[in-house]
Amino acid sequence: RSLKLQYSNVDVRRATPELLLGIRCLARELGKLPSLRELNLGSSRLSGNLRQVLCELQAPLYSLELAFCSLLPVIPWPH
């Protein structure tokens, strides 16, 4: 029901193919947690990719923690 993914060292400012693949993989794995209701991404740099990270969730979150995140602009995804 609750997952902490704090202190991510991923630098989303450099959108490499490997990084984009990793974000898609993370989204797929989060989608495999149908009971997930609380997600803590505190102190992570994934905030520019929140849509991609959260897109596979099976149900709405009750709580999304983004404390101490460097909120970044959206990273453009290749078409």
C-alpha atoms as a PDB file:
ATOM      1  CA  ARG A   1       0.000   0.000   0.000  1.00  0.00           C
ATOM      2  CA  SER A   2       2.927   2.358   0.656  1.00  0.00           C
ATOM      3  CA  LEU A   3       6.239   2.741  -1.193  1.00  0.00           C
ATOM      4  CA  LYS A   4       9.190   5.067  -0.606  1.00  0.00           C
ATOM      5  CA  LEU A   5      11.512   5.818  -3.529  1.00  0.00           C
ATOM      6  CA  GLN A   6      13.456   8.632  -1.931  1.00  0.00           C
ATOM      7  CA  TYR A   7      16.784  10.138  -2.923  1.00  0.00           C
ATOM      8  CA  SER A   8      16.857   9.124  -6.569  1.00  0.00           C
ATOM      9  CA  ASN A   9      20.198  10.022  -8.137  1.00  0.00           C
ATOM     10  CA  VAL A  10      18.730   9.919 -11.629  1.00  0.00           C
ATOM     11  CA  ASP A  11      19.543  13.104 -13.524  1.00  0.00           C
ATOM     12  CA  VAL A  12      16.501  13.668 -15.729  1.00  0.00           C
ATOM     13  CA  ARG A  13      18.020  16.811 -17.183  1.00  0.00           C
ATOM     14  CA  ARG A  14      20.000  14.533 -19.504  1.00  0.00           C
ATOM     15  CA  ALA A  15      17.313  12.511 -21.239  1.00  0.00           C
ATOM     16  CA  THR A  16      19.309   9.588 -22.625  1.00  0.00           C
ATOM     17  CA  PRO A  17      17.588   6.582 -24.239  1.00  0.00           C
ATOM     18  CA  GLU A  18      18.635   4.485 -21.237  1.00  0.00           C
ATOM     19  CA  LEU A  19      17.061   6.966 -18.821  1.00  0.00           C
ATOM     20  CA  LEU A  20      13.790   7.034 -20.754  1.00  0.00           C
ATOM     21  CA  LEU A  21      13.755   3.231 -20.846  1.00  0.00           C
ATOM     22  CA  GLY A  22      14.369   3.142 -17.085  1.00  0.00           C
ATOM     23  CA  ILE A  23      11.469   5.518 -16.436  1.00  0.00           C
ATOM     24  CA  ARG A  24       9.165   3.377 -18.574  1.00  0.00           C
ATOM     25  CA  CYS A  25      10.323   0.289 -16.671  1.00  0.00           C
ATOM     26  CA  LEU A  26       9.672   2.020 -13.330  1.00  0.00           C
ATOM     27  CA  ALA A  27       6.168   2.967 -14.511  1.00  0.00           C
ATOM     28  CA  ARG A  28       5.464  -0.633 -15.572  1.00  0.00           C
ATOM     29  CA  GLU A  29       6.633  -1.964 -12.205  1.00  0.00           C
ATOM     30  CA  LEU A  30       4.506   0.564 -10.298  1.00  0.00           C
ATOM     31  CA  GLY A  31       1.563  -0.586 -12.417  1.00  0.00           C
ATOM     32  CA  LYS A  32       2.065  -4.102 -11.036  1.00  0.00           C
ATOM     33  CA  LEU A  33       1.196  -2.831  -7.545  1.00  0.00           C
ATOM     34  CA  PRO A  34      -2.616  -2.627  -7.650  1.00  0.00           C
ATOM     35  CA  SER A  35      -2.865  -1.858  -3.924  1.00  0.00           C
ATOM     36  CA  LEU A  36      -0.428   1.064  -4.035  1.00  0.00           C
ATOM     37  CA  ARG A  37      -2.037   4.083  -2.391  1.00  0.00           C
ATOM     38  CA  GLU A  38       0.903   6.086  -1.004  1.00  0.00           C
ATOM     39  CA  LEU A  39       4.046   6.955  -2.960  1.00  0.00           C
ATOM     40  CA  ASN A  40       6.951   8.944  -1.571  1.00  0.00           C
ATOM     41  CA  LEU A  41       9.351  10.385  -4.152  1.00  0.00           C
ATOM     42  CA  GLY A  42      10.967  12.789  -1.675  1.00  0.00           C
ATOM     43  CA  SER A  43      14.305  14.312  -2.685  1.00  0.00           C
ATOM     44  CA  SER A  44      14.139  12.778  -6.161  1.00  0.00           C
ATOM     45  CA  ARG A  45      14.761  14.356  -9.541  1.00  0.00           C
ATOM     46  CA  LEU A  46      12.012  12.416 -11.297  1.00  0.00           C
ATOM     47  CA  SER A  47       9.514  15.250 -10.942  1.00  0.00           C
ATOM     48  CA  GLY A  48       9.925  16.400 -14.555  1.00  0.00           C
ATOM     49  CA  ASN A  49       8.658  12.976 -15.574  1.00  0.00           C
ATOM     50  CA  LEU A  50       5.810  12.482 -13.124  1.00  0.00           C
ATOM     51  CA  ARG A  51       3.282  11.831 -15.864  1.00  0.00           C
ATOM     52  CA  GLN A  52       5.437   9.041 -17.291  1.00  0.00           C
ATOM     53  CA  VAL A  53       6.252   7.596 -13.845  1.00  0.00           C
ATOM     54  CA  LEU A  54       2.609   7.519 -12.718  1.00  0.00           C
ATOM     55  CA  CYS A  55       0.883   6.624 -15.989  1.00  0.00           C
ATOM     56  CA  GLU A  56       0.639   2.866 -15.309  1.00  0.00           C
ATOM     57  CA  LEU A  57      -0.939   3.108 -11.840  1.00  0.00           C
ATOM     58  CA  GLN A  58      -4.027   0.918 -11.499  1.00  0.00           C
ATOM     59  CA  ALA A  59      -5.827   3.115  -8.958  1.00  0.00           C
ATOM     60  CA  PRO A  60      -5.595   6.694  -7.706  1.00  0.00           C
ATOM     61  CA  LEU A  61      -3.049   7.462  -5.019  1.00  0.00           C
ATOM     62  CA  TYR A  62      -4.260   8.795  -1.693  1.00  0.00           C
ATOM     63  CA  SER A  63      -0.890  10.396  -1.068  1.00  0.00           C
ATOM     64  CA  LEU A  64       1.997  11.500  -3.286  1.00  0.00           C
ATOM     65  CA  GLU A  65       4.919  13.011  -1.398  1.00  0.00           C
ATOM     66  CA  LEU A  66       7.321  15.252  -3.312  1.00  0.00           C
ATOM     67  CA  ALA A  67       9.118  16.888  -0.384  1.00  0.00           C
ATOM     68  CA  PHE A  68      12.449  18.444  -1.282  1.00  0.00           C
ATOM     69  CA  CYS A  69      12.053  17.604  -4.960  1.00  0.00           C
ATOM     70  CA  SER A  70      13.591  19.842  -7.529  1.00  0.00           C
ATOM     71  CA  LEU A  71      10.483  20.383  -9.605  1.00  0.00           C
ATOM     72  CA  LEU A  72      11.672  20.372 -13.180  1.00  0.00           C
ATOM     73  CA  PRO A  73       9.955  21.244 -16.427  1.00  0.00           C
ATOM     74  CA  VAL A  74       8.506  18.392 -18.433  1.00  0.00           C
ATOM     75  CA  ILE A  75      11.139  16.447 -20.353  1.00  0.00           C
ATOM     76  CA  PRO A  76       9.999  16.014 -23.979  1.00  0.00           C
ATOM     77  CA  TRP A  77       9.553  12.384 -24.918  1.00  0.00           C
ATOM     78  CA  PRO A  78      10.464  11.152 -28.395  1.00  0.00           C
ATOM     79  CA  HIS A  79       7.512  10.351 -30.621  1.00  0.00           C
END
